[in-house]
């Protein structure tokens, strides 16, 4: 763990998208409007009931979650001049935005998403200033703030993701590969560059299969290339895979009052990494990740949740037992 110039320990540098989320709800199911043999001619509009404009972006969401769990993450991404209020919000909640790059010509990225009553989503993403994230060099950031224990490479401008991954390999920084939304456009060569040598590889179950299909690497080959593969399984929880080890499967938090799923994966990643950085093992880290993810899915907006030590640990104890709550409570720094 490296020393921050302000006297705060720096362990995690988060790179990736910083965006504004425009979230809408459709009171029906998208599948009821789809004609299977006409999908090549699809032309649909949905009358939505509400619109919520929230702060988002994968990297910002992860950094916010890390800060909520007692860390002081560094956030490196590209934004527009319209980022001032958002910056103040993040800094007020414990995120160090010093390395952020500000575009002189483009607006901060924008995510527009409609969710139906089954939690299926149709979304679009305007990259805007994010396309300039490739201008960010990790070397000067590390020189100024200290070498991070781990760099999170979340969805971002594709060239930025490749550059940051190459920087990590050349400088010997441990990195967490989280290509998720960018897997759709990437070919096998690009995906191999993004994940090879990762200390952690995050994906959901579909993305894990897509990685194997596009790279041509089977499960065993992927596990030879990465330290730990963490696969989220939605309502079924999460699976942790390591070469030569028995898979660890951790159930999700039960009895959720699901409101909006956007940002749930980002919150899980924050919880997992926050726990790992305190010395907790993968099973406990998954339990922390699932618990903070539950707070997000029950809230409209990706950074609108609040945590309390009592409520957080009570939820862990209910699902995972008293031993889990005691061990996690002894390591994590949670708000009272």
Protein backbone atom coordinates (compact mmCIF):
# COMPACT_ATOMS: atom_id res chain seq x y z
CA UNK A 1 0.00 0.00 0.00
CA UNK A 2 1.54 3.30 -1.10
CA UNK A 3 1.58 6.67 0.61
CA UNK A 4 -0.65 9.44 -0.70
CA UNK A 5 0.84 12.97 -0.58
CA UNK A 6 -2.05 14.02 1.67
CA UNK A 7 -1.18 11.32 4.17
CA UNK A 8 -3.96 8.93 3.17
CA UNK A 9 -3.14 5.36 2.13
CA UNK A 10 -3.69 4.63 -1.57
CA UNK A 11 -4.33 1.03 -2.53
CA UNK A 12 -6.68 1.10 -5.52
CA UNK A 13 -6.57 3.19 -8.70
CA UNK A 14 -9.82 2.94 -10.67
CA UNK A 15 -9.80 3.70 -14.39
CA UNK A 16 -12.83 3.65 -16.67
CA UNK A 17 -15.98 5.48 -17.60
CA UNK A 18 -17.44 8.43 -15.74
CA UNK A 19 -20.93 9.26 -16.96
CA UNK A 20 -24.36 10.64 -16.27
CA UNK A 21 -27.11 7.99 -16.17
CA UNK A 22 -30.55 8.68 -17.64
CA UNK A 23 -32.70 5.85 -16.24
CA UNK A 24 -36.24 5.08 -17.40
CA UNK A 25 -38.77 2.40 -16.46
CA UNK A 26 -41.09 0.62 -18.92
CA UNK A 27 -44.27 -0.84 -17.32
CA UNK A 28 -44.25 -4.00 -19.41
CA UNK A 29 -41.86 -6.57 -20.87
CA UNK A 30 -39.69 -5.91 -23.90
CA UNK A 31 -40.07 -9.53 -25.03
CA UNK A 32 -43.79 -8.97 -25.62
CA UNK A 33 -42.93 -6.46 -28.36
CA UNK A 34 -40.30 -8.54 -30.16
CA UNK A 35 -41.09 -10.56 -33.28
CA UNK A 36 -38.39 -13.19 -33.50
CA UNK A 37 -38.30 -13.55 -37.29
CA UNK A 38 -38.33 -9.75 -37.77
CA UNK A 39 -35.44 -8.77 -35.52
CA UNK A 40 -33.38 -7.62 -38.52
CA UNK A 41 -36.06 -4.96 -39.14
CA UNK A 42 -36.62 -3.96 -35.53
CA UNK A 43 -38.03 -0.46 -35.02
CA UNK A 44 -39.59 0.10 -31.62
CA UNK A 45 -40.32 2.83 -29.14
CA UNK A 46 -41.51 2.37 -25.57
CA UNK A 47 -43.64 4.78 -23.55
CA UNK A 48 -41.87 5.06 -20.21
CA UNK A 49 -43.33 6.18 -16.91
CA UNK A 50 -40.45 8.09 -15.38
CA UNK A 51 -36.99 9.52 -15.92
CA UNK A 52 -34.25 9.69 -13.31
CA UNK A 53 -30.99 11.49 -14.07
CA UNK A 54 -28.21 10.15 -11.88
CA UNK A 55 -24.45 10.07 -11.53
CA UNK A 56 -22.83 6.97 -12.98
CA UNK A 57 -20.12 5.43 -15.10
CA UNK A 58 -18.46 2.13 -14.21
CA UNK A 59 -15.27 3.59 -12.76
CA UNK A 60 -17.06 6.28 -10.77
CA UNK A 61 -19.51 3.70 -9.39
CA UNK A 62 -16.70 1.39 -8.32
CA UNK A 63 -14.76 4.24 -6.73
CA UNK A 64 -17.87 5.41 -4.87
CA UNK A 65 -18.43 1.90 -3.51
CA UNK A 66 -14.81 1.60 -2.38
CA UNK A 67 -15.10 4.91 -0.55
CA UNK A 68 -18.35 3.79 1.09
CA UNK A 69 -16.43 0.83 2.51
CA UNK A 70 -13.66 2.94 4.01
CA UNK A 71 -11.12 3.18 1.20
CA UNK A 72 -9.72 6.31 -0.43
CA UNK A 73 -9.59 5.30 -4.12
CA UNK A 74 -8.01 7.33 -6.89
CA UNK A 75 -10.29 7.82 -9.90
CA UNK A 76 -8.77 8.29 -13.36
CA UNK A 77 -11.07 8.92 -16.31
CA UNK A 78 -11.95 11.62 -18.83
CA UNK A 79 -14.80 14.10 -18.37
CA UNK A 80 -16.13 17.36 -19.77
CA UNK A 81 -16.31 20.83 -18.27
CA UNK A 82 -19.80 19.89 -17.06
CA UNK A 83 -18.27 17.59 -14.43
CA UNK A 84 -17.87 20.18 -11.65
CA UNK A 85 -20.91 19.25 -9.56
CA UNK A 86 -20.29 15.55 -10.03
CA UNK A 87 -16.66 15.99 -8.95
CA UNK A 88 -17.76 17.76 -5.78
CA UNK A 89 -20.17 14.88 -5.01
CA UNK A 90 -17.49 12.22 -5.41
CA UNK A 91 -14.90 14.09 -3.40
CA UNK A 92 -17.42 14.75 -0.64
CA UNK A 93 -17.97 10.98 -0.47
CA UNK A 94 -14.30 10.08 -0.23
CA UNK A 95 -13.15 9.62 -3.83
CA UNK A 96 -9.90 11.32 -4.90
CA UNK A 97 -10.56 12.81 -8.34
CA UNK A 98 -7.13 14.40 -8.77
CA UNK A 99 -6.02 12.26 -11.77
CA UNK A 100 -9.16 12.98 -13.82
CA UNK A 101 -8.59 14.39 -17.32
CA UNK A 102 -10.91 17.23 -18.42
CA UNK A 103 -11.72 17.57 -22.13
CA UNK A 104 -11.83 21.05 -23.60
CA UNK A 105 -14.39 20.17 -26.28
CA UNK A 106 -16.60 17.24 -25.25
CA UNK A 107 -19.31 16.64 -22.67
CA UNK A 108 -19.07 13.99 -19.98
CA UNK A 109 -20.27 10.59 -21.23
CA UNK A 110 -23.95 9.71 -20.98
CA UNK A 111 -25.70 6.37 -20.37
CA UNK A 112 -29.37 6.14 -21.41
CA UNK A 113 -31.14 3.01 -20.17
CA UNK A 114 -34.72 1.70 -20.09
CA UNK A 115 -35.59 -1.17 -17.74
CA UNK A 116 -38.74 -3.27 -18.05
CA UNK A 117 -40.68 -4.94 -15.23
CA UNK A 118 -38.62 -8.14 -15.55
CA UNK A 119 -35.38 -6.10 -15.08
CA UNK A 120 -34.41 -6.58 -18.75
CA UNK A 121 -32.64 -3.49 -20.13
CA UNK A 122 -32.14 -1.67 -23.43
CA UNK A 123 -29.41 0.94 -23.28
CA UNK A 124 -27.23 3.30 -25.30
CA UNK A 125 -23.96 4.94 -24.33
CA UNK A 126 -22.59 8.25 -25.64
CA UNK A 127 -18.83 8.25 -25.04
CA UNK A 128 -18.20 12.01 -25.31
CA UNK A 129 -15.14 13.01 -23.31
CA UNK A 130 -14.46 9.37 -22.49
CA UNK A 131 -12.88 9.04 -25.94
CA UNK A 132 -10.00 11.15 -24.62
CA UNK A 133 -9.22 8.79 -21.73
CA UNK A 134 -6.47 7.34 -23.91
CA UNK A 135 -4.49 10.50 -23.08
CA UNK A 136 -4.16 9.40 -19.44
CA UNK A 137 -0.83 7.80 -18.56
CA UNK A 138 -0.64 5.65 -15.44
CA UNK A 139 3.08 6.27 -14.94
CA UNK A 140 2.78 9.94 -13.95
CA UNK A 141 -0.21 9.10 -11.72
CA UNK A 142 1.85 6.46 -9.90
CA UNK A 143 4.85 8.80 -9.68
CA UNK A 144 2.71 11.47 -8.03
CA UNK A 145 0.50 9.38 -5.76
CA UNK A 146 2.51 6.20 -5.26
CA UNK A 147 2.30 2.84 -7.01
CA UNK A 148 -1.17 1.33 -6.41
CA UNK A 149 -1.68 -2.16 -5.04
CA UNK A 150 -4.13 -2.80 -7.86
CA UNK A 151 -5.42 -0.91 -10.90
CA UNK A 152 -9.02 -1.50 -11.93
CA UNK A 153 -9.44 -1.36 -15.70
CA UNK A 154 -13.19 -0.92 -16.07
CA UNK A 155 -15.10 -0.30 -19.34
CA UNK A 156 -13.71 2.80 -20.99
CA UNK A 157 -12.49 4.15 -24.31
CA UNK A 158 -11.09 1.00 -25.98
CA UNK A 159 -7.68 2.53 -26.68
CA UNK A 160 -7.50 3.71 -23.07
CA UNK A 161 -8.25 0.22 -21.78
CA UNK A 162 -5.51 -1.28 -23.93
CA UNK A 163 -3.03 1.44 -22.97
CA UNK A 164 -3.74 1.08 -19.25
CA UNK A 165 -3.48 -2.70 -19.44
CA UNK A 166 -0.14 -2.48 -21.25
CA UNK A 167 1.05 0.10 -18.69
CA UNK A 168 0.21 -2.26 -15.85
CA UNK A 169 2.07 -5.15 -17.42
CA UNK A 170 5.14 -3.06 -18.24
CA UNK A 171 5.28 -1.44 -14.80
CA UNK A 172 4.41 -4.57 -12.84
CA UNK A 173 1.16 -3.23 -11.42
CA UNK A 174 -1.42 -5.83 -10.42
CA UNK A 175 -4.64 -5.16 -12.34
CA UNK A 176 -8.28 -6.17 -12.30
CA UNK A 177 -9.63 -6.69 -15.82
CA UNK A 178 -13.30 -5.74 -16.14
CA UNK A 179 -14.04 -5.51 -19.90
CA UNK A 180 -17.80 -6.29 -19.53
CA UNK A 181 -19.73 -3.92 -21.82
CA UNK A 182 -16.80 -3.60 -24.22
CA UNK A 183 -16.73 -7.31 -25.03
CA UNK A 184 -19.43 -6.93 -27.69
CA UNK A 185 -17.22 -4.96 -30.11
CA UNK A 186 -13.84 -6.49 -29.19
CA UNK A 187 -12.31 -9.31 -31.20
CA UNK A 188 -10.30 -12.15 -29.73
CA UNK A 189 -6.93 -10.40 -30.06
CA UNK A 190 -8.16 -7.35 -28.15
CA UNK A 191 -9.79 -9.42 -25.40
CA UNK A 192 -6.64 -11.49 -24.97
CA UNK A 193 -4.64 -8.25 -24.52
CA UNK A 194 -7.16 -6.96 -21.97
CA UNK A 195 -7.20 -10.02 -19.72
CA UNK A 196 -3.82 -11.77 -20.07
CA UNK A 197 -1.92 -11.47 -16.80
CA UNK A 198 -4.78 -9.97 -14.81
CA UNK A 199 -4.72 -10.57 -11.08
CA UNK A 200 -8.54 -10.53 -11.16
CA UNK A 201 -10.91 -11.01 -14.10
CA UNK A 202 -14.50 -9.88 -13.51
CA UNK A 203 -17.47 -10.82 -15.70
CA UNK A 204 -20.99 -12.13 -15.55
CA UNK A 205 -21.79 -15.64 -16.73
CA UNK A 206 -22.67 -14.64 -20.29
CA UNK A 207 -19.53 -12.49 -20.57
CA UNK A 208 -17.39 -15.37 -19.29
CA UNK A 209 -18.70 -17.55 -22.11
CA UNK A 210 -18.18 -14.73 -24.62
CA UNK A 211 -14.57 -14.30 -23.50
CA UNK A 212 -13.91 -18.01 -24.05
CA UNK A 213 -15.67 -18.00 -27.44
CA UNK A 214 -13.87 -14.94 -28.80
CA UNK A 215 -10.40 -15.67 -27.44
CA UNK A 216 -10.50 -19.37 -28.22
CA UNK A 217 -9.29 -19.98 -24.68
CA UNK A 218 -11.26 -22.59 -22.77
CA UNK A 219 -11.88 -22.33 -19.05
CA UNK A 220 -8.58 -23.99 -18.16
CA UNK A 221 -6.59 -21.71 -20.45
CA UNK A 222 -8.28 -18.59 -19.04
CA UNK A 223 -7.43 -19.72 -15.51
CA UNK A 224 -3.79 -20.18 -16.53
CA UNK A 225 -3.75 -16.57 -17.77
CA UNK A 226 -5.36 -14.84 -14.77
CA UNK A 227 -4.96 -15.12 -11.03
CA UNK A 228 -8.63 -15.24 -10.05
CA UNK A 229 -11.74 -15.25 -12.23
CA UNK A 230 -14.84 -13.85 -10.52
CA UNK A 231 -18.11 -14.65 -12.33
CA UNK A 232 -21.32 -13.02 -11.12
CA UNK A 233 -24.44 -15.15 -11.53
CA UNK A 234 -27.26 -12.66 -10.96
CA UNK A 235 -29.78 -13.90 -8.41
CA UNK A 236 -27.72 -17.10 -8.01
CA UNK A 237 -24.80 -15.18 -6.49
CA UNK A 238 -21.17 -15.42 -7.62
CA UNK A 239 -18.54 -18.03 -8.48
CA UNK A 240 -14.78 -17.67 -7.90
CA UNK A 241 -12.44 -19.76 -10.01
CA UNK A 242 -8.70 -20.34 -9.66
CA UNK A 243 -6.43 -22.80 -11.43
CA UNK A 244 -6.10 -26.03 -9.47
CA UNK A 245 -8.64 -24.96 -6.83
CA UNK A 246 -12.23 -25.96 -6.13
CA UNK A 247 -14.67 -23.26 -7.24
CA UNK A 248 -16.13 -21.08 -4.51
CA UNK A 249 -19.85 -20.34 -4.93
CA UNK A 250 -21.46 -17.68 -2.74
CA UNK A 251 -25.23 -17.07 -2.80
CA UNK A 252 -26.69 -13.62 -3.34
CA UNK A 253 -28.55 -11.71 -0.64
CA UNK A 254 -32.12 -13.01 -0.49
CA UNK A 255 -35.42 -11.13 -0.07
CA UNK A 256 -34.47 -8.09 -2.08
CA UNK A 257 -36.83 -5.25 -2.85
CA UNK A 258 -35.46 -4.80 -6.39
CA UNK A 259 -35.90 -1.30 -7.80
CA UNK A 260 -33.25 -0.80 -10.52
CA UNK A 261 -30.29 -3.06 -11.42
CA UNK A 262 -27.98 -0.51 -13.03
CA UNK A 263 -24.62 -0.38 -11.24
CA UNK A 264 -25.07 -3.64 -9.32
CA UNK A 265 -22.02 -5.23 -10.95
CA UNK A 266 -19.92 -2.15 -10.22
CA UNK A 267 -20.93 -2.25 -6.56
CA UNK A 268 -20.04 -5.94 -6.34
CA UNK A 269 -16.58 -5.24 -7.74
CA UNK A 270 -16.08 -2.45 -5.21
CA UNK A 271 -17.11 -4.71 -2.34
CA UNK A 272 -14.94 -7.60 -3.49
CA UNK A 273 -11.81 -5.47 -3.95
CA UNK A 274 -12.38 -3.48 -0.76
CA UNK A 275 -12.52 -6.75 1.19
CA UNK A 276 -9.49 -8.28 -0.56
CA UNK A 277 -7.46 -5.15 0.21
CA UNK A 278 -8.17 -5.60 3.93
CA UNK A 279 -6.85 -9.16 3.81
CA UNK A 280 -10.16 -11.02 3.65
CA UNK A 281 -10.29 -14.22 1.59
CA UNK A 282 -12.31 -14.58 -1.64
CA UNK A 283 -15.38 -16.11 0.00
CA UNK A 284 -15.70 -13.23 2.44
CA UNK A 285 -14.94 -10.74 -0.35
CA UNK A 286 -17.82 -12.17 -2.38
CA UNK A 287 -20.11 -11.83 0.63
CA UNK A 288 -19.16 -8.18 0.99
CA UNK A 289 -19.66 -7.65 -2.75
CA UNK A 290 -23.10 -9.28 -2.75
CA UNK A 291 -24.18 -7.23 0.27
CA UNK A 292 -23.25 -3.84 -1.16
CA UNK A 293 -24.74 -4.90 -4.52
CA UNK A 294 -28.04 -5.54 -2.71
CA UNK A 295 -28.02 -1.94 -1.50
CA UNK A 296 -27.67 -0.71 -5.08
CA UNK A 297 -30.42 -2.87 -6.61
CA UNK A 298 -32.82 -1.58 -3.95
CA UNK A 299 -32.07 2.05 -4.84
CA UNK A 300 -32.80 4.21 -7.89
CA UNK A 301 -29.41 5.40 -9.07
CA UNK A 302 -25.97 3.85 -8.82
CA UNK A 303 -24.57 6.08 -6.08
CA UNK A 304 -27.64 6.95 -4.03
CA UNK A 305 -27.32 4.22 -1.40
CA UNK A 306 -25.99 4.73 2.11
CA UNK A 307 -24.35 2.14 4.33
CA UNK A 308 -24.26 1.77 8.10
CA UNK A 309 -22.10 -0.71 9.96
CA UNK A 310 -25.05 -2.11 11.91
CA UNK A 311 -27.32 -2.60 8.91
CA UNK A 312 -24.58 -3.90 6.64
CA UNK A 313 -23.30 -6.47 9.13
CA UNK A 314 -26.82 -7.50 10.13
CA UNK A 315 -27.56 -8.32 6.51
CA UNK A 316 -24.33 -10.32 6.22
CA UNK A 317 -25.16 -12.25 9.39
CA UNK A 318 -28.67 -13.04 8.16
CA UNK A 319 -27.43 -14.53 4.88
CA UNK A 320 -23.92 -15.76 5.63
CA UNK A 321 -23.84 -16.30 9.40
CA UNK A 322 -22.40 -14.74 12.53
CA UNK A 323 -18.80 -15.81 11.82
CA UNK A 324 -18.88 -13.99 8.49
CA UNK A 325 -20.28 -10.84 10.07
CA UNK A 326 -17.69 -10.90 12.86
CA UNK A 327 -14.73 -11.38 10.53
CA UNK A 328 -15.88 -8.81 8.00
CA UNK A 329 -16.76 -6.32 10.73
CA UNK A 330 -13.27 -6.64 12.20
CA UNK A 331 -11.64 -5.71 8.87
CA UNK A 332 -13.82 -3.24 7.02
CA UNK A 333 -14.14 0.41 8.04
CA UNK A 334 -17.87 1.10 7.82
CA UNK A 335 -19.78 4.27 8.72
CA UNK A 336 -21.64 4.12 12.02
